[in-house]
PDB file of all heavy atoms in Angstrom:
ATOM      1  N   ARG A   1       0.573  10.436   6.797  1.00  0.00           N
ATOM      2  CA  ARG A   1       0.989  10.369   5.425  1.00  0.00           C
ATOM      3  C   ARG A   1       0.991   8.976   4.919  1.00  0.00           C
ATOM      4  O   ARG A   1       1.044   8.788   3.662  1.00  0.00           O
ATOM      5  CB  ARG A   1       2.365  11.048   5.190  1.00  0.00           C
ATOM      6  CG  ARG A   1       3.493  10.241   5.667  1.00  0.00           C
ATOM      7  CD  ARG A   1       4.290   9.647   4.453  1.00  0.00           C
ATOM      8  NE  ARG A   1       5.608   9.054   4.901  1.00  0.00           N
ATOM      9  CZ  ARG A   1       5.823   7.947   5.226  1.00  0.00           C
ATOM     10  NH1 ARG A   1       4.843   6.997   5.098  1.00  0.00           N
ATOM     11  NH2 ARG A   1       7.120   7.463   5.524  1.00  0.00           N
ATOM     12  N   THR A   2       0.911   7.959   5.742  1.00  0.00           N
ATOM     13  CA  THR A   2       1.107   6.664   5.302  1.00  0.00           C
ATOM     14  C   THR A   2      -0.063   6.173   4.353  1.00  0.00           C
ATOM     15  O   THR A   2       0.091   5.450   3.421  1.00  0.00           O
ATOM     16  CB  THR A   2       1.227   5.621   6.458  1.00  0.00           C
ATOM     17  OG1 THR A   2       2.383   5.985   7.158  1.00  0.00           O
ATOM     18  CG2 THR A   2       1.342   4.185   5.986  1.00  0.00           C
ATOM     19  N   GLY A   3      -1.275   6.468   4.696  1.00  0.00           N
ATOM     20  CA  GLY A   3      -2.398   6.109   3.873  1.00  0.00           C
ATOM     21  C   GLY A   3      -3.791   6.473   4.606  1.00  0.00           C
ATOM     22  O   GLY A   3      -3.713   6.938   5.727  1.00  0.00           O
ATOM     23  N   HIS A   4      -4.861   6.272   4.005  1.00  0.00           N
ATOM     24  CA  HIS A   4      -6.161   6.413   4.557  1.00  0.00           C
ATOM     25  C   HIS A   4      -7.113   5.357   3.990  1.00  0.00           C
ATOM     26  O   HIS A   4      -6.771   4.806   2.954  1.00  0.00           O
ATOM     27  CB  HIS A   4      -6.700   7.868   4.258  1.00  0.00           C
ATOM     28  CG  HIS A   4      -7.005   8.082   2.849  1.00  0.00           C
ATOM     29  ND1 HIS A   4      -6.061   8.332   1.856  1.00  0.00           N
ATOM     30  CD2 HIS A   4      -8.175   8.196   2.213  1.00  0.00           C
ATOM     31  CE1 HIS A   4      -6.654   8.625   0.673  1.00  0.00           C
ATOM     32  NE2 HIS A   4      -7.986   8.534   0.935  1.00  0.00           N
ATOM     33  N   GLU A   5      -8.268   5.212   4.558  1.00  0.00           N
ATOM     34  CA  GLU A   5      -9.106   4.203   4.046  1.00  0.00           C
ATOM     35  C   GLU A   5      -9.950   4.780   2.989  1.00  0.00           C
ATOM     36  O   GLU A   5     -10.655   5.772   3.046  1.00  0.00           O
ATOM     37  CB  GLU A   5     -10.082   3.840   5.246  1.00  0.00           C
ATOM     38  CG  GLU A   5      -9.425   3.217   6.383  1.00  0.00           C
ATOM     39  CD  GLU A   5      -8.713   1.895   6.084  1.00  0.00           C
ATOM     40  OE1 GLU A   5      -9.407   1.126   5.331  1.00  0.00           O
ATOM     41  OE2 GLU A   5      -7.677   1.594   6.469  1.00  0.00           O
ATOM     42  N   GLY A   6      -9.842   4.152   1.748  1.00  0.00           N
ATOM     43  CA  GLY A   6     -10.507   4.617   0.585  1.00  0.00           C
ATOM     44  C   GLY A   6     -11.935   3.921   0.563  1.00  0.00           C
ATOM     45  O   GLY A   6     -12.373   3.257   1.496  1.00  0.00           O
ATOM     46  N   ALA A   7     -12.591   4.102  -0.497  1.00  0.00           N
ATOM     47  CA  ALA A   7     -14.012   3.617  -0.606  1.00  0.00           C
ATOM     48  C   ALA A   7     -14.112   2.054  -0.569  1.00  0.00           C
ATOM     49  O   ALA A   7     -15.042   1.543  -0.101  1.00  0.00           O
ATOM     50  CB  ALA A   7     -14.630   4.105  -2.001  1.00  0.00           C
ATOM     51  N   THR A   8     -12.997   1.412  -0.934  1.00  0.00           N
ATOM     52  CA  THR A   8     -12.995  -0.008  -0.967  1.00  0.00           C
ATOM     53  C   THR A   8     -12.501  -0.626   0.433  1.00  0.00           C
ATOM     54  O   THR A   8     -12.514  -1.731   0.569  1.00  0.00           O
ATOM     55  CB  THR A   8     -12.041  -0.556  -2.062  1.00  0.00           C
ATOM     56  OG1 THR A   8     -10.712  -0.176  -1.657  1.00  0.00           O
ATOM     57  CG2 THR A   8     -12.446  -0.094  -3.364  1.00  0.00           C
ATOM     58  N   GLY A   9     -12.163   0.345   1.448  1.00  0.00           N
ATOM     59  CA  GLY A   9     -11.663  -0.076   2.646  1.00  0.00           C
ATOM     60  C   GLY A   9     -10.197  -0.448   2.610  1.00  0.00           C
ATOM     61  O   GLY A   9      -9.601  -0.821   3.685  1.00  0.00           O
ATOM     62  N   LEU A  10      -9.451  -0.265   1.444  1.00  0.00           N
ATOM     63  CA  LEU A  10      -8.043  -0.530   1.370  1.00  0.00           C
ATOM     64  C   LEU A  10      -7.338   0.733   1.705  1.00  0.00           C
ATOM     65  O   LEU A  10      -7.767   1.890   1.490  1.00  0.00           O
ATOM     66  CB  LEU A  10      -7.695  -1.003   0.045  1.00  0.00           C
ATOM     67  CG  LEU A  10      -8.393  -2.285  -0.441  1.00  0.00           C
ATOM     68  CD1 LEU A  10      -8.009  -2.674  -1.874  1.00  0.00           C
ATOM     69  CD2 LEU A  10      -7.964  -3.511   0.464  1.00  0.00           C
ATOM     70  N   THR A  11      -6.078   0.631   2.132  1.00  0.00           N
ATOM     71  CA  THR A  11      -5.304   1.765   2.486  1.00  0.00           C
ATOM     72  C   THR A  11      -4.800   2.326   1.141  1.00  0.00           C
ATOM     73  O   THR A  11      -4.224   1.636   0.288  1.00  0.00           O
ATOM     74  CB  THR A  11      -4.055   1.373   3.324  1.00  0.00           C
ATOM     75  OG1 THR A  11      -4.646   0.956   4.595  1.00  0.00           O
ATOM     76  CG2 THR A  11      -3.153   2.573   3.602  1.00  0.00           C
ATOM     77  N   VAL A  12      -4.976   3.602   0.968  1.00  0.00           N
ATOM     78  CA  VAL A  12      -4.513   4.296  -0.223  1.00  0.00           C
ATOM     79  C   VAL A  12      -3.098   4.968   0.018  1.00  0.00           C
ATOM     80  O   VAL A  12      -2.892   5.696   1.031  1.00  0.00           O
ATOM     81  CB  VAL A  12      -5.469   5.550  -0.587  1.00  0.00           C
ATOM     82  CG1 VAL A  12      -4.960   6.135  -1.869  1.00  0.00           C
ATOM     83  CG2 VAL A  12      -6.854   4.806  -0.805  1.00  0.00           C
ATOM     84  N   PRO A  13      -2.048   4.562  -0.784  1.00  0.00           N
ATOM     85  CA  PRO A  13      -0.818   5.174  -0.442  1.00  0.00           C
ATOM     86  C   PRO A  13      -0.681   6.567  -0.735  1.00  0.00           C
ATOM     87  O   PRO A  13      -1.408   7.083  -1.649  1.00  0.00           O
ATOM     88  CB  PRO A  13       0.206   4.334  -1.326  1.00  0.00           C
ATOM     89  CG  PRO A  13      -0.706   3.816  -2.472  1.00  0.00           C
ATOM     90  CD  PRO A  13      -2.059   3.685  -1.832  1.00  0.00           C
ATOM     91  N   ARG A  14       0.185   7.350   0.027  1.00  0.00           N
ATOM     92  CA  ARG A  14       0.325   8.817  -0.211  1.00  0.00           C
ATOM     93  C   ARG A  14       1.805   9.041  -0.682  1.00  0.00           C
ATOM     94  O   ARG A  14       2.688   8.372  -0.261  1.00  0.00           O
ATOM     95  CB  ARG A  14       0.055   9.510   1.026  1.00  0.00           C
ATOM     96  CG  ARG A  14      -1.044   9.004   1.977  1.00  0.00           C
ATOM     97  CD  ARG A  14      -2.360   8.835   1.287  1.00  0.00           C
ATOM     98  NE  ARG A  14      -2.980  10.199   1.092  1.00  0.00           N
ATOM     99  CZ  ARG A  14      -3.766  10.750   1.942  1.00  0.00           C
ATOM    100  NH1 ARG A  14      -4.051  10.188   3.092  1.00  0.00           N
ATOM    101  NH2 ARG A  14      -4.266  11.899   1.547  1.00  0.00           N
ATOM    102  N   GLY A  15       1.888  10.122  -1.469  1.00  0.00           N
ATOM    103  CA  GLY A  15       3.223  10.376  -1.942  1.00  0.00           C
ATOM    104  C   GLY A  15       4.001  11.433  -1.059  1.00  0.00           C
ATOM    105  O   GLY A  15       5.023  11.801  -1.374  1.00  0.00           O
ATOM    106  N   LEU A  16       3.305  11.951  -0.080  1.00  0.00           N
ATOM    107  CA  LEU A  16       3.912  12.909   0.731  1.00  0.00           C
ATOM    108  C   LEU A  16       5.005  12.407   1.645  1.00  0.00           C
ATOM    109  O   LEU A  16       4.829  11.230   2.149  1.00  0.00           O
ATOM    110  CB  LEU A  16       2.686  13.457   1.705  1.00  0.00           C
ATOM    111  CG  LEU A  16       3.080  14.591   2.652  1.00  0.00           C
ATOM    112  CD1 LEU A  16       3.404  15.848   1.909  1.00  0.00           C
ATOM    113  CD2 LEU A  16       2.023  14.833   3.732  1.00  0.00           C
ATOM    114  N   GLN A  17       6.094  13.196   1.702  1.00  0.00           N
ATOM    115  CA  GLN A  17       7.250  12.816   2.496  1.00  0.00           C
ATOM    116  C   GLN A  17       7.337  13.764   3.729  1.00  0.00           C
ATOM    117  O   GLN A  17       7.169  14.932   3.597  1.00  0.00           O
ATOM    118  CB  GLN A  17       8.428  12.850   1.662  1.00  0.00           C
ATOM    119  CG  GLN A  17       8.485  11.971   0.558  1.00  0.00           C
ATOM    120  CD  GLN A  17       9.821  11.849  -0.224  1.00  0.00           C
ATOM    121  OE1 GLN A  17      10.962  11.787   0.315  1.00  0.00           O
ATOM    122  NE2 GLN A  17       9.720  11.971  -1.465  1.00  0.00           N
ATOM    123  N   ILE A  18       7.620  13.159   4.881  1.00  0.00           N
ATOM    124  CA  ILE A  18       7.660  13.950   6.146  1.00  0.00           C
ATOM    125  C   ILE A  18       9.042  14.280   6.459  1.00  0.00           C
ATOM    126  O   ILE A  18       9.956  13.504   6.471  1.00  0.00           O
ATOM    127  CB  ILE A  18       7.040  13.158   7.306  1.00  0.00           C
ATOM    128  CG1 ILE A  18       5.653  12.802   7.077  1.00  0.00           C
ATOM    129  CG2 ILE A  18       7.174  13.972   8.582  1.00  0.00           C
ATOM    130  CD1 ILE A  18       4.714  13.962   6.691  1.00  0.00           C
ATOM    131  N   LEU A  19       9.410  15.639   6.605  1.00  0.00           N
ATOM    132  CA  LEU A  19      10.640  16.143   6.880  1.00  0.00           C
ATOM    133  C   LEU A  19      10.578  16.669   8.410  1.00  0.00           C
ATOM    134  O   LEU A  19       9.821  17.514   8.692  1.00  0.00           O
ATOM    135  CB  LEU A  19      11.058  17.280   6.092  1.00  0.00           C
ATOM    136  CG  LEU A  19      11.076  17.002   4.551  1.00  0.00           C
ATOM    137  CD1 LEU A  19      11.459  18.234   3.752  1.00  0.00           C
ATOM    138  CD2 LEU A  19      11.868  15.775   4.117  1.00  0.00           C
ATOM    139  N   GLY A  20      11.582  16.150   9.259  1.00  0.00           N
ATOM    140  CA  GLY A  20      11.639  16.622  10.621  1.00  0.00           C
ATOM    141  C   GLY A  20      12.559  17.911  10.688  1.00  0.00           C
ATOM    142  O   GLY A  20      13.710  17.784  10.241  1.00  0.00           O
ATOM    143  N   VAL A  21      11.986  18.966  11.207  1.00  0.00           N
ATOM    144  CA  VAL A  21      12.791  20.183  11.406  1.00  0.00           C
ATOM    145  C   VAL A  21      13.670  19.967  12.725  1.00  0.00           C
ATOM    146  O   VAL A  21      13.136  19.865  13.830  1.00  0.00           O
ATOM    147  CB  VAL A  21      11.936  21.444  11.620  1.00  0.00           C
ATOM    148  CG1 VAL A  21      12.749  22.695  11.832  1.00  0.00           C
ATOM    149  CG2 VAL A  21      11.100  21.576  10.420  1.00  0.00           C
ATOM    150  N   THR A  22      14.979  19.940  12.536  1.00  0.00           N
ATOM    151  CA  THR A  22      15.940  19.717  13.679  1.00  0.00           C
ATOM    152  C   THR A  22      16.123  20.968  14.507  1.00  0.00           C
ATOM    153  O   THR A  22      15.462  21.136  15.512  1.00  0.00           O
ATOM    154  CB  THR A  22      17.192  19.097  13.214  1.00  0.00           C
ATOM    155  OG1 THR A  22      17.818  19.894  12.269  1.00  0.00           O
ATOM    156  CG2 THR A  22      17.016  17.711  12.680  1.00  0.00           C
ATOM    157  N   VAL A  23      16.997  21.879  13.991  1.00  0.00           N
ATOM    158  CA  VAL A  23      17.246  23.152  14.647  1.00  0.00           C
ATOM    159  C   VAL A  23      17.206  24.239  13.485  1.00  0.00           C
ATOM    160  O   VAL A  23      17.908  24.043  12.601  1.00  0.00           O
ATOM    161  CB  VAL A  23      18.544  23.165  15.421  1.00  0.00           C
ATOM    162  CG1 VAL A  23      18.770  24.626  16.008  1.00  0.00           C
ATOM    163  CG2 VAL A  23      18.575  22.179  16.525  1.00  0.00           C
ATOM    164  N   MET A  24      16.402  25.245  13.695  1.00  0.00           N
ATOM    165  CA  MET A  24      16.256  26.333  12.687  1.00  0.00           C
ATOM    166  C   MET A  24      17.689  26.885  12.412  1.00  0.00           C
ATOM    167  O   MET A  24      18.454  27.050  13.279  1.00  0.00           O
ATOM    168  CB  MET A  24      15.371  27.438  13.163  1.00  0.00           C
ATOM    169  CG  MET A  24      13.985  27.006  13.601  1.00  0.00           C
ATOM    170  SD  MET A  24      12.934  26.538  12.220  1.00  0.00           S
ATOM    171  CE  MET A  24      12.570  28.274  11.682  1.00  0.00           C
ATOM    172  N   THR A  25      17.887  27.230  11.107  1.00  0.00           N
ATOM    173  CA  THR A  25      19.136  27.743  10.687  1.00  0.00           C
ATOM    174  C   THR A  25      19.357  29.137  11.181  1.00  0.00           C
ATOM    175  O   THR A  25      20.494  29.713  11.051  1.00  0.00           O
ATOM    176  CB  THR A  25      19.345  27.681   9.135  1.00  0.00           C
ATOM    177  OG1 THR A  25      18.157  28.270   8.475  1.00  0.00           O
ATOM    178  CG2 THR A  25      19.423  26.271   8.649  1.00  0.00           C
ATOM    179  N   SER A  26      18.392  29.780  11.737  1.00  0.00           N
ATOM    180  CA  SER A  26      18.579  31.115  12.444  1.00  0.00           C
ATOM    181  C   SER A  26      18.903  31.050  13.773  1.00  0.00           C
ATOM    182  O   SER A  26      19.086  32.078  14.507  1.00  0.00           O
ATOM    183  CB  SER A  26      17.282  31.890  12.145  1.00  0.00           C
ATOM    184  OG  SER A  26      16.174  31.265  12.909  1.00  0.00           O
ATOM    185  N   TYR A  27      19.164  29.787  14.290  1.00  0.00           N
ATOM    186  CA  TYR A  27      19.469  29.551  15.734  1.00  0.00           C
ATOM    187  C   TYR A  27      20.991  29.146  15.933  1.00  0.00           C
ATOM    188  O   TYR A  27      21.539  28.475  15.078  1.00  0.00           O
ATOM    189  CB  TYR A  27      18.696  28.347  16.337  1.00  0.00           C
ATOM    190  CG  TYR A  27      17.279  28.699  16.771  1.00  0.00           C
ATOM    191  CD1 TYR A  27      16.577  29.717  16.106  1.00  0.00           C
ATOM    192  CD2 TYR A  27      16.654  28.099  17.826  1.00  0.00           C
ATOM    193  CE1 TYR A  27      15.288  30.030  16.530  1.00  0.00           C
ATOM    194  CE2 TYR A  27      15.433  28.442  18.281  1.00  0.00           C
ATOM    195  CZ  TYR A  27      14.683  29.331  17.693  1.00  0.00           C
ATOM    196  OH  TYR A  27      13.467  29.673  18.018  1.00  0.00           O
ATOM    197  N   SER A  28      21.554  29.776  16.966  1.00  0.00           N
ATOM    198  CA  SER A  28      22.935  29.444  17.349  1.00  0.00           C
ATOM    199  C   SER A  28      22.822  28.572  18.747  1.00  0.00           C
ATOM    200  O   SER A  28      21.816  28.371  19.194  1.00  0.00           O
ATOM    201  CB  SER A  28      23.764  30.689  17.562  1.00  0.00           C
ATOM    202  OG  SER A  28      23.204  31.472  18.609  1.00  0.00           O
ATOM    203  N   ASP A  29      24.020  28.221  19.181  1.00  0.00           N
ATOM    204  CA  ASP A  29      24.102  27.546  20.491  1.00  0.00           C
ATOM    205  C   ASP A  29      23.551  28.437  21.519  1.00  0.00           C
ATOM    206  O   ASP A  29      22.753  28.053  22.472  1.00  0.00           O
ATOM    207  CB  ASP A  29      25.520  27.319  20.851  1.00  0.00           C
ATOM    208  CG  ASP A  29      26.118  26.048  20.040  1.00  0.00           C
ATOM    209  OD1 ASP A  29      25.307  25.316  19.485  1.00  0.00           O
ATOM    210  OD2 ASP A  29      27.337  25.907  20.042  1.00  0.00           O
ATOM    211  N   ALA A  30      23.835  29.782  21.424  1.00  0.00           N
ATOM    212  CA  ALA A  30      23.336  30.790  22.505  1.00  0.00           C
ATOM    213  C   ALA A  30      21.857  30.828  22.489  1.00  0.00           C
ATOM    214  O   ALA A  30      21.128  30.985  23.496  1.00  0.00           O
ATOM    215  CB  ALA A  30      23.964  32.099  22.292  1.00  0.00           C
ATOM    216  N   ASP A  31      21.255  30.744  21.271  1.00  0.00           N
ATOM    217  CA  ASP A  31      19.743  30.883  21.127  1.00  0.00           C
ATOM    218  C   ASP A  31      19.142  29.616  21.755  1.00  0.00           C
ATOM    219  O   ASP A  31      18.087  29.758  22.389  1.00  0.00           O
ATOM    220  CB  ASP A  31      19.358  30.853  19.636  1.00  0.00           C
ATOM    221  CG  ASP A  31      19.853  32.189  19.007  1.00  0.00           C
ATOM    222  OD1 ASP A  31      19.740  33.297  19.716  1.00  0.00           O
ATOM    223  OD2 ASP A  31      20.262  32.117  17.804  1.00  0.00           O
ATOM    224  N   LEU A  32      19.720  28.457  21.559  1.00  0.00           N
ATOM    225  CA  LEU A  32      19.167  27.253  22.203  1.00  0.00           C
ATOM    226  C   LEU A  32      19.249  27.254  23.683  1.00  0.00           C
ATOM    227  O   LEU A  32      18.330  26.856  24.404  1.00  0.00           O
ATOM    228  CB  LEU A  32      19.958  25.932  21.616  1.00  0.00           C
ATOM    229  CG  LEU A  32      19.620  25.539  20.239  1.00  0.00           C
ATOM    230  CD1 LEU A  32      20.292  24.191  19.920  1.00  0.00           C
ATOM    231  CD2 LEU A  32      18.104  25.337  20.049  1.00  0.00           C
ATOM    232  N   ARG A  33      20.380  27.791  24.157  1.00  0.00           N
ATOM    233  CA  ARG A  33      20.492  27.835  25.664  1.00  0.00           C
ATOM    234  C   ARG A  33      19.481  28.883  26.170  1.00  0.00           C
ATOM    235  O   ARG A  33      18.861  28.547  27.195  1.00  0.00           O
ATOM    236  CB  ARG A  33      21.878  28.333  26.031  1.00  0.00           C
ATOM    237  CG  ARG A  33      23.001  27.331  25.879  1.00  0.00           C
ATOM    238  CD  ARG A  33      24.279  27.720  26.585  1.00  0.00           C
ATOM    239  NE  ARG A  33      24.880  28.960  26.001  1.00  0.00           N
ATOM    240  CZ  ARG A  33      25.723  28.912  25.005  1.00  0.00           C
ATOM    241  NH1 ARG A  33      26.077  27.787  24.406  1.00  0.00           N
ATOM    242  NH2 ARG A  33      26.237  30.061  24.447  1.00  0.00           N
ATOM    243  N   GLU A  34      19.257  29.872  25.525  1.00  0.00           N
ATOM    244  CA  GLU A  34      18.256  30.900  25.926  1.00  0.00           C
ATOM    245  C   GLU A  34      16.884  30.242  25.951  1.00  0.00           C
ATOM    246  O   GLU A  34      15.991  30.599  26.795  1.00  0.00           O
ATOM    247  CB  GLU A  34      18.327  32.188  25.062  1.00  0.00           C
ATOM    248  CG  GLU A  34      17.309  33.257  25.568  1.00  0.00           C
ATOM    249  CD  GLU A  34      17.437  34.507  24.718  1.00  0.00           C
ATOM    250  OE1 GLU A  34      18.351  34.482  23.736  1.00  0.00           O
ATOM    251  OE2 GLU A  34      16.739  35.485  25.031  1.00  0.00           O
ATOM    252  N   ALA A  35      16.557  29.359  25.042  1.00  0.00           N
ATOM    253  CA  ALA A  35      15.272  28.715  24.910  1.00  0.00           C
ATOM    254  C   ALA A  35      15.113  27.524  25.953  1.00  0.00           C
ATOM    255  O   ALA A  35      14.094  26.835  25.929  1.00  0.00           O
ATOM    256  CB  ALA A  35      15.098  28.181  23.523  1.00  0.00           C
ATOM    257  N   GLY A  36      16.282  27.178  26.708  1.00  0.00           N
ATOM    258  CA  GLY A  36      16.192  26.155  27.669  1.00  0.00           C
ATOM    259  C   GLY A  36      16.697  24.886  27.308  1.00  0.00           C
ATOM    260  O   GLY A  36      16.560  23.828  28.027  1.00  0.00           O
TER     261      GLY A  36
END
């Protein structure tokens, strides 16, 4: 998401933001234990 090489060879900035998925809200402690 940081950038890519444009026609001029310069890095083109991107507006995309990266979100890390920590633990799904449908999961409990027991679900995590079952998954290892």
